[in-house]
Amino acid sequence: MANKRSKRFKEAESKFNKDNDYDISEAINLLKSFPKPGFDETVEISVRLGINPKNSDQQVRTSVGLPNGTGKSVQVAVFAEGDDADFARSAGADFVGSDDLVAKVEDGWMDFDVALATPPMMRKIGKLGRFLGPRGLMPSPKNGTLCEDVESAVADFKAGKVEIRNDDGGNVHIPVGKLSFGIGKLEENIVAVFQSLQSLRPPGVGHRFLEKAVLSSTMGPGIKLKI
């Protein structure tokens, strides 16, 4: 069956050359010129990495703090006890608990965007891997979600820290803000993502690491970026 595109999508495609690579500011201006749906779209950057995702030493996983946040309210769950639990609550965590929170997740509850945990909690949440793992929510030191300083971690993720994690095809997809953001704010967020990615180049990658980057909004076509 032919892929049907909406009239709005086709109008957006007509505004640029799909074969061209655009500067970040040019691409943002194009996104802002597209016909608008009835909501504030999320802007996302997708990057194809020159890695073999089957090799464990070429996996890319970290988190990056966006200078201007994502524009989205992030629900943070924290697995912690004692003082750490109190620190998490004071920092603005939405859900904090220990055995009770573990039991809720085992029952199928996962109404949160980020899961944080302190190292002592790993003995309790290890069994949640089959629930949290498939959604990329299992706390890990690689992306700052398994942390000693839970108070700072909560504050960072509530402020707009996002996870970078490659999929099975070697791609990463990262929200970088809302379309209503100013051009400068979106550009700063995108540059922060590129800088973070460049710092993560695995030693085993002998060719180009950042192969292709595309900027898009929720309902719009992708625009290729100059890397």
N, C-alpha and C. Protein backbone atom coordinates (compact mmCIF):
# COMPACT_ATOMS: atom_id res chain seq x y z
N MET A 1 0.85 -1.19 0.00
CA MET A 1 0.00 0.00 0.00
C MET A 1 0.89 1.25 0.00
N ALA A 2 0.53 2.19 -0.82
CA ALA A 2 1.31 3.42 -0.90
C ALA A 2 1.25 4.18 0.43
N ASN A 3 2.36 4.82 0.76
CA ASN A 3 2.42 5.59 1.99
C ASN A 3 1.71 6.92 1.78
N LYS A 4 0.58 7.12 2.45
CA LYS A 4 -0.21 8.32 2.25
C LYS A 4 0.32 9.44 3.15
N ARG A 5 0.58 10.58 2.56
CA ARG A 5 1.03 11.74 3.31
C ARG A 5 -0.09 12.77 3.35
N SER A 6 -0.18 13.49 4.45
CA SER A 6 -1.21 14.50 4.58
C SER A 6 -0.88 15.70 3.70
N LYS A 7 -1.88 16.52 3.45
CA LYS A 7 -1.68 17.73 2.67
C LYS A 7 -0.68 18.65 3.36
N ARG A 8 -0.76 18.72 4.70
CA ARG A 8 0.16 19.56 5.46
C ARG A 8 1.60 19.06 5.32
N PHE A 9 1.79 17.74 5.37
CA PHE A 9 3.12 17.15 5.25
C PHE A 9 3.70 17.44 3.86
N LYS A 10 2.89 17.27 2.83
CA LYS A 10 3.35 17.52 1.46
C LYS A 10 3.71 18.98 1.25
N GLU A 11 2.94 19.88 1.87
CA GLU A 11 3.24 21.30 1.76
C GLU A 11 4.58 21.61 2.43
N ALA A 12 4.84 20.98 3.56
CA ALA A 12 6.12 21.17 4.26
C ALA A 12 7.27 20.66 3.39
N GLU A 13 7.11 19.50 2.77
CA GLU A 13 8.16 18.93 1.92
C GLU A 13 8.49 19.84 0.74
N SER A 14 7.50 20.58 0.27
CA SER A 14 7.72 21.44 -0.90
C SER A 14 8.58 22.65 -0.58
N LYS A 15 8.83 22.92 0.69
CA LYS A 15 9.55 24.12 1.10
C LYS A 15 11.06 23.95 1.11
N PHE A 16 11.56 22.73 0.88
CA PHE A 16 13.00 22.54 0.89
C PHE A 16 13.39 21.39 -0.02
N ASN A 17 14.70 21.31 -0.30
CA ASN A 17 15.24 20.25 -1.15
C ASN A 17 15.71 19.10 -0.26
N LYS A 18 15.07 17.95 -0.39
CA LYS A 18 15.39 16.81 0.49
C LYS A 18 16.80 16.27 0.29
N ASP A 19 17.42 16.62 -0.85
CA ASP A 19 18.78 16.14 -1.12
C ASP A 19 19.86 17.04 -0.52
N ASN A 20 19.47 18.21 -0.06
CA ASN A 20 20.44 19.17 0.48
C ASN A 20 20.69 18.94 1.97
N ASP A 21 21.88 19.35 2.41
CA ASP A 21 22.21 19.38 3.83
C ASP A 21 22.15 20.84 4.28
N TYR A 22 21.52 21.10 5.41
CA TYR A 22 21.30 22.46 5.86
C TYR A 22 22.04 22.76 7.17
N ASP A 23 22.44 24.03 7.32
CA ASP A 23 22.98 24.47 8.61
C ASP A 23 21.87 24.34 9.67
N ILE A 24 22.28 24.26 10.92
CA ILE A 24 21.31 24.08 12.00
C ILE A 24 20.26 25.20 12.00
N SER A 25 20.72 26.45 11.91
CA SER A 25 19.77 27.57 11.96
C SER A 25 18.84 27.55 10.75
N GLU A 26 19.35 27.17 9.57
CA GLU A 26 18.51 27.07 8.38
C GLU A 26 17.43 26.01 8.58
N ALA A 27 17.84 24.87 9.14
CA ALA A 27 16.90 23.77 9.36
C ALA A 27 15.81 24.17 10.36
N ILE A 28 16.19 24.88 11.41
CA ILE A 28 15.20 25.31 12.40
C ILE A 28 14.22 26.29 11.77
N ASN A 29 14.73 27.23 10.98
CA ASN A 29 13.85 28.18 10.30
C ASN A 29 12.86 27.47 9.38
N LEU A 30 13.33 26.41 8.71
CA LEU A 30 12.44 25.64 7.85
C LEU A 30 11.34 24.98 8.67
N LEU A 31 11.73 24.36 9.78
CA LEU A 31 10.73 23.71 10.64
C LEU A 31 9.65 24.71 11.07
N LYS A 32 10.09 25.91 11.40
CA LYS A 32 9.15 26.93 11.87
C LYS A 32 8.26 27.46 10.74
N SER A 33 8.69 27.25 9.48
CA SER A 33 7.89 27.73 8.35
C SER A 33 6.83 26.73 7.90
N PHE A 34 6.91 25.50 8.41
CA PHE A 34 5.97 24.46 7.99
C PHE A 34 4.57 24.74 8.53
N PRO A 35 3.54 24.25 7.84
CA PRO A 35 2.16 24.37 8.37
C PRO A 35 2.08 23.72 9.75
N LYS A 36 1.38 24.35 10.67
CA LYS A 36 1.35 23.91 12.05
C LYS A 36 0.12 23.06 12.37
N PRO A 37 0.31 21.99 13.14
CA PRO A 37 -0.84 21.27 13.70
C PRO A 37 -1.36 22.05 14.90
N GLY A 38 -2.29 21.53 15.61
CA GLY A 38 -2.90 22.26 16.72
C GLY A 38 -2.21 22.09 18.06
N PHE A 39 -0.92 21.83 18.06
CA PHE A 39 -0.19 21.69 19.33
C PHE A 39 1.26 22.08 19.11
N ASP A 40 1.97 22.29 20.21
CA ASP A 40 3.38 22.67 20.15
C ASP A 40 4.23 21.41 19.91
N GLU A 41 4.75 21.28 18.71
CA GLU A 41 5.47 20.06 18.35
C GLU A 41 6.82 19.96 19.07
N THR A 42 7.24 18.72 19.29
CA THR A 42 8.58 18.45 19.80
C THR A 42 9.56 18.41 18.63
N VAL A 43 10.72 19.01 18.82
CA VAL A 43 11.79 18.96 17.82
C VAL A 43 12.75 17.85 18.23
N GLU A 44 13.10 17.00 17.27
CA GLU A 44 13.96 15.85 17.55
C GLU A 44 15.09 15.78 16.55
N ILE A 45 16.25 15.40 17.03
CA ILE A 45 17.37 15.14 16.14
C ILE A 45 17.65 13.63 16.13
N SER A 46 17.80 13.08 14.95
CA SER A 46 18.12 11.67 14.78
C SER A 46 19.48 11.58 14.10
N VAL A 47 20.38 10.78 14.66
CA VAL A 47 21.74 10.68 14.13
C VAL A 47 22.07 9.21 13.87
N ARG A 48 22.56 8.95 12.66
CA ARG A 48 23.04 7.60 12.35
C ARG A 48 24.53 7.56 12.67
N LEU A 49 24.89 6.62 13.55
CA LEU A 49 26.27 6.50 14.00
C LEU A 49 27.01 5.41 13.24
N GLY A 50 28.29 5.64 13.02
CA GLY A 50 29.12 4.65 12.33
C GLY A 50 29.63 3.60 13.27
N ILE A 51 28.71 2.89 13.93
CA ILE A 51 29.08 1.87 14.90
C ILE A 51 28.46 0.54 14.49
N ASN A 52 28.99 -0.52 15.06
CA ASN A 52 28.35 -1.82 14.95
C ASN A 52 27.64 -2.06 16.28
N PRO A 53 26.32 -1.85 16.32
CA PRO A 53 25.60 -1.92 17.60
C PRO A 53 25.63 -3.30 18.25
N LYS A 54 26.07 -4.32 17.50
CA LYS A 54 26.16 -5.66 18.07
C LYS A 54 27.41 -5.83 18.93
N ASN A 55 28.38 -4.92 18.76
CA ASN A 55 29.60 -4.97 19.56
C ASN A 55 29.40 -4.20 20.85
N SER A 56 29.61 -4.85 21.97
CA SER A 56 29.37 -4.20 23.26
C SER A 56 30.27 -2.99 23.47
N ASP A 57 31.49 -3.01 22.89
CA ASP A 57 32.41 -1.89 23.08
C ASP A 57 32.10 -0.71 22.16
N GLN A 58 31.05 -0.85 21.33
CA GLN A 58 30.66 0.26 20.47
C GLN A 58 29.26 0.79 20.83
N GLN A 59 28.73 0.32 21.94
CA GLN A 59 27.43 0.83 22.39
C GLN A 59 27.58 2.28 22.86
N VAL A 60 26.63 3.10 22.50
CA VAL A 60 26.65 4.51 22.91
C VAL A 60 25.49 4.75 23.87
N ARG A 61 25.83 5.09 25.09
CA ARG A 61 24.80 5.37 26.09
C ARG A 61 25.32 6.38 27.09
N THR A 62 24.63 7.49 27.19
CA THR A 62 24.99 8.53 28.14
C THR A 62 23.78 9.44 28.33
N SER A 63 23.97 10.54 28.98
CA SER A 63 22.92 11.55 29.09
C SER A 63 23.56 12.92 28.90
N VAL A 64 22.77 13.84 28.42
CA VAL A 64 23.28 15.19 28.16
C VAL A 64 22.29 16.21 28.71
N GLY A 65 22.83 17.22 29.37
CA GLY A 65 22.00 18.29 29.88
C GLY A 65 21.78 19.33 28.80
N LEU A 66 20.53 19.52 28.38
CA LEU A 66 20.23 20.53 27.38
C LEU A 66 20.21 21.90 28.04
N PRO A 67 20.95 22.87 27.52
CA PRO A 67 21.02 24.19 28.15
C PRO A 67 19.66 24.84 28.38
N ASN A 68 18.71 24.53 27.49
CA ASN A 68 17.40 25.18 27.58
C ASN A 68 16.27 24.19 27.84
N GLY A 69 16.62 22.98 28.30
CA GLY A 69 15.61 21.99 28.61
C GLY A 69 14.88 21.47 27.39
N THR A 70 13.90 20.62 27.62
CA THR A 70 13.14 20.02 26.52
C THR A 70 11.77 20.66 26.33
N GLY A 71 11.35 21.45 27.31
CA GLY A 71 10.01 22.01 27.25
C GLY A 71 8.94 21.04 27.70
N LYS A 72 9.37 19.88 28.16
CA LYS A 72 8.44 18.84 28.60
C LYS A 72 8.57 18.62 30.10
N SER A 73 7.46 18.37 30.75
CA SER A 73 7.47 18.02 32.17
C SER A 73 7.89 16.55 32.30
N VAL A 74 9.01 16.31 32.97
CA VAL A 74 9.58 14.97 33.09
C VAL A 74 9.19 14.36 34.42
N GLN A 75 8.61 13.16 34.36
CA GLN A 75 8.24 12.43 35.57
C GLN A 75 9.41 11.54 36.00
N VAL A 76 9.93 11.81 37.19
CA VAL A 76 11.11 11.10 37.68
C VAL A 76 10.74 10.20 38.86
N ALA A 77 11.10 8.92 38.73
CA ALA A 77 10.91 7.96 39.82
C ALA A 77 12.28 7.63 40.41
N VAL A 78 12.35 7.56 41.73
CA VAL A 78 13.62 7.31 42.40
C VAL A 78 13.49 6.14 43.36
N PHE A 79 14.39 5.17 43.19
CA PHE A 79 14.46 4.04 44.11
C PHE A 79 15.53 4.38 45.14
N ALA A 80 15.09 4.71 46.35
CA ALA A 80 16.03 5.13 47.39
C ALA A 80 15.42 4.93 48.77
N GLU A 81 16.29 4.93 49.78
CA GLU A 81 15.85 4.77 51.17
C GLU A 81 16.51 5.81 52.04
N GLY A 82 15.95 6.02 53.22
CA GLY A 82 16.55 6.89 54.22
C GLY A 82 16.75 8.32 53.75
N ASP A 83 17.94 8.86 54.05
CA ASP A 83 18.24 10.25 53.69
C ASP A 83 18.18 10.47 52.18
N ASP A 84 18.63 9.48 51.42
CA ASP A 84 18.60 9.61 49.96
C ASP A 84 17.18 9.82 49.45
N ALA A 85 16.22 9.13 50.05
CA ALA A 85 14.82 9.29 49.67
C ALA A 85 14.34 10.71 49.99
N ASP A 86 14.77 11.22 51.15
CA ASP A 86 14.39 12.58 51.52
C ASP A 86 15.01 13.60 50.57
N PHE A 87 16.27 13.38 50.20
CA PHE A 87 16.94 14.29 49.27
C PHE A 87 16.23 14.28 47.91
N ALA A 88 15.82 13.10 47.48
CA ALA A 88 15.13 12.99 46.18
C ALA A 88 13.82 13.76 46.20
N ARG A 89 13.08 13.63 47.28
CA ARG A 89 11.80 14.35 47.40
C ARG A 89 12.02 15.86 47.41
N SER A 90 13.03 16.30 48.15
CA SER A 90 13.28 17.75 48.24
C SER A 90 13.74 18.32 46.91
N ALA A 91 14.33 17.47 46.05
CA ALA A 91 14.80 17.93 44.74
C ALA A 91 13.69 17.93 43.70
N GLY A 92 12.51 17.39 44.07
CA GLY A 92 11.38 17.44 43.15
C GLY A 92 11.03 16.13 42.47
N ALA A 93 11.55 15.00 42.97
CA ALA A 93 11.19 13.70 42.38
C ALA A 93 9.69 13.48 42.49
N ASP A 94 9.11 12.89 41.48
CA ASP A 94 7.66 12.68 41.45
C ASP A 94 7.24 11.44 42.23
N PHE A 95 8.08 10.42 42.20
CA PHE A 95 7.78 9.17 42.91
C PHE A 95 9.06 8.69 43.59
N VAL A 96 8.99 8.40 44.87
CA VAL A 96 10.15 7.93 45.63
C VAL A 96 9.73 6.74 46.47
N GLY A 97 10.55 5.69 46.47
CA GLY A 97 10.22 4.54 47.29
C GLY A 97 11.29 3.48 47.23
N SER A 98 11.03 2.41 47.94
CA SER A 98 11.96 1.28 47.99
C SER A 98 11.20 0.01 47.63
N ASP A 99 10.91 -0.84 48.60
CA ASP A 99 10.18 -2.07 48.31
C ASP A 99 8.80 -1.79 47.73
N ASP A 100 8.17 -0.71 48.22
CA ASP A 100 6.83 -0.38 47.73
C ASP A 100 6.86 0.01 46.25
N LEU A 101 7.89 0.76 45.84
CA LEU A 101 8.00 1.18 44.44
C LEU A 101 8.38 0.01 43.55
N VAL A 102 9.22 -0.87 44.06
CA VAL A 102 9.58 -2.09 43.32
C VAL A 102 8.33 -2.92 43.06
N ALA A 103 7.50 -3.08 44.08
CA ALA A 103 6.27 -3.87 43.95
C ALA A 103 5.32 -3.26 42.92
N LYS A 104 5.22 -1.93 42.90
CA LYS A 104 4.34 -1.26 41.94
C LYS A 104 4.79 -1.54 40.50
N VAL A 105 6.11 -1.47 40.27
CA VAL A 105 6.63 -1.73 38.93
C VAL A 105 6.40 -3.19 38.55
N GLU A 106 6.59 -4.09 39.49
CA GLU A 106 6.34 -5.51 39.21
C GLU A 106 4.88 -5.76 38.85
N ASP A 107 3.99 -4.92 39.36
CA ASP A 107 2.56 -5.05 39.05
C ASP A 107 2.18 -4.40 37.73
N GLY A 108 3.17 -3.80 37.07
CA GLY A 108 2.92 -3.23 35.74
C GLY A 108 2.86 -1.72 35.67
N TRP A 109 3.06 -1.04 36.81
CA TRP A 109 3.00 0.44 36.81
C TRP A 109 4.33 1.01 36.34
N MET A 110 4.28 1.89 35.34
CA MET A 110 5.48 2.56 34.87
C MET A 110 5.13 3.95 34.33
N ASP A 111 4.42 4.73 35.10
CA ASP A 111 4.02 6.07 34.68
C ASP A 111 5.10 7.11 34.98
N PHE A 112 6.29 6.88 34.47
CA PHE A 112 7.39 7.82 34.67
C PHE A 112 8.29 7.79 33.44
N ASP A 113 9.08 8.85 33.30
CA ASP A 113 9.96 8.99 32.13
C ASP A 113 11.40 8.61 32.42
N VAL A 114 11.81 8.76 33.67
CA VAL A 114 13.19 8.47 34.07
C VAL A 114 13.16 7.73 35.40
N ALA A 115 13.99 6.70 35.52
CA ALA A 115 14.13 5.97 36.78
C ALA A 115 15.55 6.16 37.29
N LEU A 116 15.67 6.63 38.52
CA LEU A 116 16.96 6.80 39.17
C LEU A 116 17.05 5.84 40.36
N ALA A 117 18.28 5.49 40.70
CA ALA A 117 18.47 4.61 41.87
C ALA A 117 19.84 4.88 42.49
N THR A 118 19.93 4.67 43.79
CA THR A 118 21.22 4.73 44.47
C THR A 118 21.84 3.33 44.42
N PRO A 119 23.17 3.25 44.46
CA PRO A 119 23.83 1.93 44.38
C PRO A 119 23.32 0.88 45.35
N PRO A 120 23.03 1.23 46.63
CA PRO A 120 22.53 0.20 47.56
C PRO A 120 21.20 -0.42 47.12
N MET A 121 20.45 0.28 46.26
CA MET A 121 19.15 -0.22 45.84
C MET A 121 19.24 -1.27 44.73
N MET A 122 20.40 -1.43 44.13
CA MET A 122 20.52 -2.36 43.00
C MET A 122 20.18 -3.79 43.39
N ARG A 123 20.43 -4.15 44.62
CA ARG A 123 20.09 -5.52 45.05
C ARG A 123 18.58 -5.74 45.05
N LYS A 124 17.83 -4.66 45.17
CA LYS A 124 16.37 -4.78 45.19
C LYS A 124 15.76 -4.61 43.80
N ILE A 125 16.37 -3.76 42.97
CA ILE A 125 15.75 -3.49 41.67
C ILE A 125 16.33 -4.33 40.54
N GLY A 126 17.32 -5.17 40.87
CA GLY A 126 17.90 -6.02 39.82
C GLY A 126 16.85 -6.86 39.12
N LYS A 127 15.84 -7.30 39.87
CA LYS A 127 14.79 -8.15 39.30
C LYS A 127 13.84 -7.38 38.40
N LEU A 128 13.96 -6.05 38.37
CA LEU A 128 13.07 -5.24 37.53
C LEU A 128 13.59 -5.08 36.11
N GLY A 129 14.74 -5.70 35.83
CA GLY A 129 15.33 -5.55 34.50
C GLY A 129 14.39 -5.94 33.38
N ARG A 130 13.58 -6.98 33.58
CA ARG A 130 12.67 -7.42 32.50
C ARG A 130 11.53 -6.44 32.28
N PHE A 131 11.28 -5.58 33.26
CA PHE A 131 10.24 -4.56 33.10
C PHE A 131 10.83 -3.25 32.58
N LEU A 132 11.92 -2.81 33.19
CA LEU A 132 12.51 -1.52 32.86
C LEU A 132 13.45 -1.58 31.65
N GLY A 133 14.12 -2.72 31.49
CA GLY A 133 15.09 -2.85 30.41
C GLY A 133 14.55 -2.58 29.02
N PRO A 134 13.44 -3.23 28.62
CA PRO A 134 12.92 -3.01 27.26
C PRO A 134 12.54 -1.57 26.97
N ARG A 135 12.26 -0.79 28.00
CA ARG A 135 11.90 0.62 27.81
C ARG A 135 13.09 1.55 28.03
N GLY A 136 14.27 0.97 28.24
CA GLY A 136 15.46 1.79 28.45
C GLY A 136 15.45 2.55 29.75
N LEU A 137 14.75 2.03 30.76
CA LEU A 137 14.60 2.74 32.03
C LEU A 137 15.41 2.14 33.18
N MET A 138 16.13 1.07 32.91
CA MET A 138 16.90 0.45 33.99
C MET A 138 18.04 1.37 34.40
N PRO A 139 18.12 1.75 35.69
CA PRO A 139 19.20 2.63 36.14
C PRO A 139 20.58 2.07 35.79
N SER A 140 21.45 2.97 35.32
CA SER A 140 22.78 2.57 34.89
C SER A 140 23.76 3.71 35.16
N PRO A 141 25.00 3.38 35.56
CA PRO A 141 26.00 4.44 35.76
C PRO A 141 26.40 5.11 34.46
N LYS A 142 26.19 4.44 33.33
CA LYS A 142 26.61 5.00 32.04
C LYS A 142 25.85 6.26 31.67
N ASN A 143 24.60 6.35 32.08
CA ASN A 143 23.82 7.53 31.72
C ASN A 143 23.43 8.38 32.93
N GLY A 144 24.07 8.11 34.06
CA GLY A 144 23.86 8.94 35.24
C GLY A 144 22.60 8.65 36.02
N THR A 145 21.94 7.53 35.72
CA THR A 145 20.70 7.21 36.44
C THR A 145 20.93 6.30 37.65
N LEU A 146 22.11 5.71 37.75
CA LEU A 146 22.53 5.02 38.97
C LEU A 146 23.56 5.93 39.62
N CYS A 147 23.20 6.55 40.73
CA CYS A 147 24.00 7.68 41.20
C CYS A 147 24.10 7.75 42.72
N GLU A 148 25.23 8.27 43.18
CA GLU A 148 25.42 8.53 44.61
C GLU A 148 24.68 9.79 45.02
N ASP A 149 24.82 10.85 44.21
CA ASP A 149 24.21 12.14 44.52
C ASP A 149 22.83 12.20 43.87
N VAL A 150 21.86 11.59 44.51
CA VAL A 150 20.52 11.49 43.92
C VAL A 150 19.84 12.85 43.84
N GLU A 151 20.17 13.74 44.76
CA GLU A 151 19.55 15.07 44.76
C GLU A 151 19.91 15.84 43.48
N SER A 152 21.19 15.83 43.13
CA SER A 152 21.64 16.52 41.92
C SER A 152 21.08 15.85 40.67
N ALA A 153 21.03 14.52 40.69
CA ALA A 153 20.53 13.79 39.52
C ALA A 153 19.06 14.12 39.26
N VAL A 154 18.26 14.16 40.31
CA VAL A 154 16.84 14.52 40.15
C VAL A 154 16.72 15.91 39.56
N ALA A 155 17.48 16.86 40.11
CA ALA A 155 17.41 18.24 39.64
C ALA A 155 17.81 18.33 38.17
N ASP A 156 18.84 17.59 37.78
CA ASP A 156 19.31 17.63 36.39
C ASP A 156 18.26 17.10 35.42
N PHE A 157 17.66 15.95 35.76
CA PHE A 157 16.68 15.36 34.84
C PHE A 157 15.38 16.16 34.82
N LYS A 158 15.00 16.74 35.92
CA LYS A 158 13.81 17.59 35.93
C LYS A 158 14.04 18.85 35.10
N ALA A 159 15.31 19.29 35.03
CA ALA A 159 15.64 20.52 34.30
C ALA A 159 15.81 20.29 32.81
N GLY A 160 15.85 19.03 32.37
CA GLY A 160 15.94 18.79 30.93
C GLY A 160 17.11 17.94 30.49
N LYS A 161 17.69 17.18 31.39
CA LYS A 161 18.73 16.23 31.00
C LYS A 161 18.08 15.08 30.26
N VAL A 162 18.63 14.68 29.10
CA VAL A 162 18.02 13.61 28.31
C VAL A 162 19.02 12.49 28.07
N GLU A 163 18.49 11.31 27.86
CA GLU A 163 19.34 10.15 27.62
C GLU A 163 19.66 10.00 26.15
N ILE A 164 20.89 9.60 25.88
CA ILE A 164 21.32 9.25 24.53
C ILE A 164 21.63 7.75 24.55
N ARG A 165 20.94 7.01 23.69
CA ARG A 165 21.14 5.55 23.67
C ARG A 165 20.88 5.05 22.26
N ASN A 166 21.87 4.33 21.71
CA ASN A 166 21.68 3.85 20.33
C ASN A 166 20.68 2.71 20.28
N ASP A 167 19.94 2.63 19.16
CA ASP A 167 19.02 1.52 18.96
C ASP A 167 19.74 0.39 18.23
N ASP A 168 19.01 -0.64 17.86
CA ASP A 168 19.63 -1.81 17.23
C ASP A 168 20.21 -1.50 15.85
N GLY A 169 19.81 -0.38 15.26
CA GLY A 169 20.32 0.00 13.94
C GLY A 169 21.49 0.97 14.02
N GLY A 170 21.92 1.29 15.24
CA GLY A 170 23.04 2.21 15.39
C GLY A 170 22.63 3.67 15.30
N ASN A 171 21.36 3.97 15.56
CA ASN A 171 20.86 5.34 15.50
C ASN A 171 20.51 5.84 16.91
N VAL A 172 20.55 7.16 17.09
CA VAL A 172 20.08 7.77 18.32
C VAL A 172 19.01 8.80 17.96
N HIS A 173 18.00 8.91 18.81
CA HIS A 173 16.90 9.85 18.60
C HIS A 173 16.75 10.66 19.89
N ILE A 174 16.92 11.98 19.78
CA ILE A 174 17.00 12.81 20.98
C ILE A 174 16.09 14.03 20.85
N PRO A 175 15.14 14.22 21.78
CA PRO A 175 14.33 15.44 21.76
C PRO A 175 15.19 16.62 22.18
N VAL A 176 15.07 17.73 21.45
CA VAL A 176 15.93 18.89 21.74
C VAL A 176 15.12 20.16 22.04
N GLY A 177 13.82 20.01 22.29
CA GLY A 177 13.02 21.16 22.66
C GLY A 177 11.68 21.18 21.95
N LYS A 178 10.98 22.28 22.11
CA LYS A 178 9.68 22.48 21.47
C LYS A 178 9.84 23.46 20.31
N LEU A 179 8.97 23.34 19.33
CA LEU A 179 9.04 24.20 18.15
C LEU A 179 8.83 25.67 18.52
N SER A 180 8.16 25.93 19.63
CA SER A 180 7.94 27.30 20.07
C SER A 180 9.20 27.94 20.65
N PHE A 181 10.24 27.15 20.92
CA PHE A 181 11.50 27.71 21.42
C PHE A 181 12.06 28.69 20.39
N GLY A 182 12.81 29.67 20.86
CA GLY A 182 13.52 30.56 19.95
C GLY A 182 14.59 29.79 19.19
N ILE A 183 14.97 30.32 18.03
CA ILE A 183 15.99 29.65 17.20
C ILE A 183 17.28 29.45 17.98
N GLY A 184 17.70 30.48 18.72
CA GLY A 184 18.95 30.38 19.49
C GLY A 184 18.91 29.28 20.52
N LYS A 185 17.78 29.11 21.21
CA LYS A 185 17.67 28.08 22.24
C LYS A 185 17.72 26.68 21.63
N LEU A 186 17.02 26.48 20.52
CA LEU A 186 17.06 25.18 19.87
C LEU A 186 18.47 24.88 19.36
N GLU A 187 19.12 25.89 18.79
CA GLU A 187 20.47 25.68 18.26
C GLU A 187 21.43 25.31 19.38
N GLU A 188 21.33 25.98 20.52
CA GLU A 188 22.20 25.65 21.66
C GLU A 188 21.99 24.21 22.11
N ASN A 189 20.75 23.77 22.16
CA ASN A 189 20.46 22.39 22.57
C ASN A 189 21.03 21.39 21.57
N ILE A 190 20.88 21.68 20.28
CA ILE A 190 21.38 20.77 19.25
C ILE A 190 22.91 20.69 19.29
N VAL A 191 23.57 21.82 19.45
CA VAL A 191 25.03 21.83 19.55
C VAL A 191 25.49 21.02 20.75
N ALA A 192 24.77 21.14 21.87
CA ALA A 192 25.12 20.37 23.07
C ALA A 192 25.05 18.87 22.79
N VAL A 193 24.04 18.45 22.02
CA VAL A 193 23.91 17.03 21.66
C VAL A 193 25.09 16.59 20.80
N PHE A 194 25.42 17.38 19.78
CA PHE A 194 26.55 17.03 18.90
C PHE A 194 27.86 16.94 19.69
N GLN A 195 28.08 17.90 20.58
CA GLN A 195 29.31 17.88 21.38
C GLN A 195 29.38 16.64 22.25
N SER A 196 28.24 16.27 22.83
CA SER A 196 28.21 15.07 23.67
C SER A 196 28.50 13.82 22.84
N LEU A 197 27.88 13.74 21.66
CA LEU A 197 28.10 12.58 20.80
C LEU A 197 29.56 12.48 20.37
N GLN A 198 30.16 13.61 19.99
CA GLN A 198 31.55 13.58 19.54
C GLN A 198 32.48 13.05 20.63
N SER A 199 32.15 13.33 21.88
CA SER A 199 33.00 12.89 22.99
C SER A 199 32.85 11.40 23.27
N LEU A 200 31.85 10.76 22.65
CA LEU A 200 31.55 9.36 22.93
C LEU A 200 32.08 8.40 21.87
N ARG A 201 32.82 8.91 20.90
CA ARG A 201 33.30 8.05 19.81
C ARG A 201 34.05 6.84 20.36
N PRO A 202 33.54 5.62 20.13
CA PRO A 202 34.22 4.42 20.63
C PRO A 202 35.57 4.23 19.93
N PRO A 203 36.58 3.72 20.64
CA PRO A 203 37.91 3.53 20.05
C PRO A 203 37.90 2.61 18.83
N GLY A 204 36.94 1.66 18.79
CA GLY A 204 36.92 0.70 17.69
C GLY A 204 36.35 1.22 16.40
N VAL A 205 35.86 2.46 16.38
CA VAL A 205 35.28 3.03 15.17
C VAL A 205 36.39 3.70 14.37
N GLY A 206 36.75 3.10 13.23
CA GLY A 206 37.87 3.61 12.45
C GLY A 206 37.47 4.52 11.32
N HIS A 207 36.17 4.70 11.07
CA HIS A 207 35.72 5.56 9.99
C HIS A 207 34.87 6.68 10.58
N ARG A 208 34.06 7.28 9.75
CA ARG A 208 33.26 8.41 10.22
C ARG A 208 32.28 7.96 11.30
N PHE A 209 32.26 8.68 12.42
CA PHE A 209 31.40 8.31 13.54
C PHE A 209 29.99 8.87 13.37
N LEU A 210 29.88 10.17 13.09
CA LEU A 210 28.57 10.78 12.86
C LEU A 210 28.30 10.75 11.36
N GLU A 211 27.51 9.79 10.93
CA GLU A 211 27.33 9.58 9.49
C GLU A 211 26.24 10.46 8.89
N LYS A 212 25.15 10.65 9.60
CA LYS A 212 24.03 11.41 9.06
C LYS A 212 23.19 11.94 10.21
N ALA A 213 22.70 13.16 10.07
CA ALA A 213 21.84 13.75 11.10
C ALA A 213 20.63 14.38 10.44
N VAL A 214 19.48 14.16 11.05
CA VAL A 214 18.22 14.68 10.52
C VAL A 214 17.46 15.38 11.65
N LEU A 215 16.96 16.57 11.34
CA LEU A 215 16.16 17.33 12.29
C LEU A 215 14.70 17.30 11.85
N SER A 216 13.80 17.07 12.78
CA SER A 216 12.38 17.00 12.43
C SER A 216 11.53 17.47 13.59
N SER A 217 10.29 17.80 13.28
CA SER A 217 9.29 18.08 14.30
C SER A 217 8.30 16.92 14.31
N THR A 218 7.44 16.86 15.30
CA THR A 218 6.56 15.72 15.50
C THR A 218 5.80 15.31 14.24
N MET A 219 5.23 16.28 13.54
CA MET A 219 4.38 15.99 12.39
C MET A 219 5.01 16.35 11.06
N GLY A 220 6.29 16.74 11.07
CA GLY A 220 6.91 17.23 9.85
C GLY A 220 7.95 16.29 9.27
N PRO A 221 8.39 16.56 8.04
CA PRO A 221 9.44 15.76 7.40
C PRO A 221 10.81 16.06 8.00
N GLY A 222 11.74 15.15 7.80
CA GLY A 222 13.09 15.33 8.30
C GLY A 222 13.95 16.17 7.37
N ILE A 223 14.80 17.01 7.95
CA ILE A 223 15.72 17.87 7.21
C ILE A 223 17.14 17.46 7.53
N LYS A 224 17.91 17.13 6.51
CA LYS A 224 19.28 16.70 6.72
C LYS A 224 20.15 17.88 7.17
N LEU A 225 21.00 17.61 8.16
CA LEU A 225 21.89 18.63 8.69
C LEU A 225 23.31 18.45 8.19
N LYS A 226 24.01 19.58 8.04
CA LYS A 226 25.46 19.53 7.79
C LYS A 226 26.12 19.11 9.09
N ILE A 227 27.02 18.16 9.00
CA ILE A 227 27.74 17.70 10.20
C ILE A 227 29.16 18.28 10.15
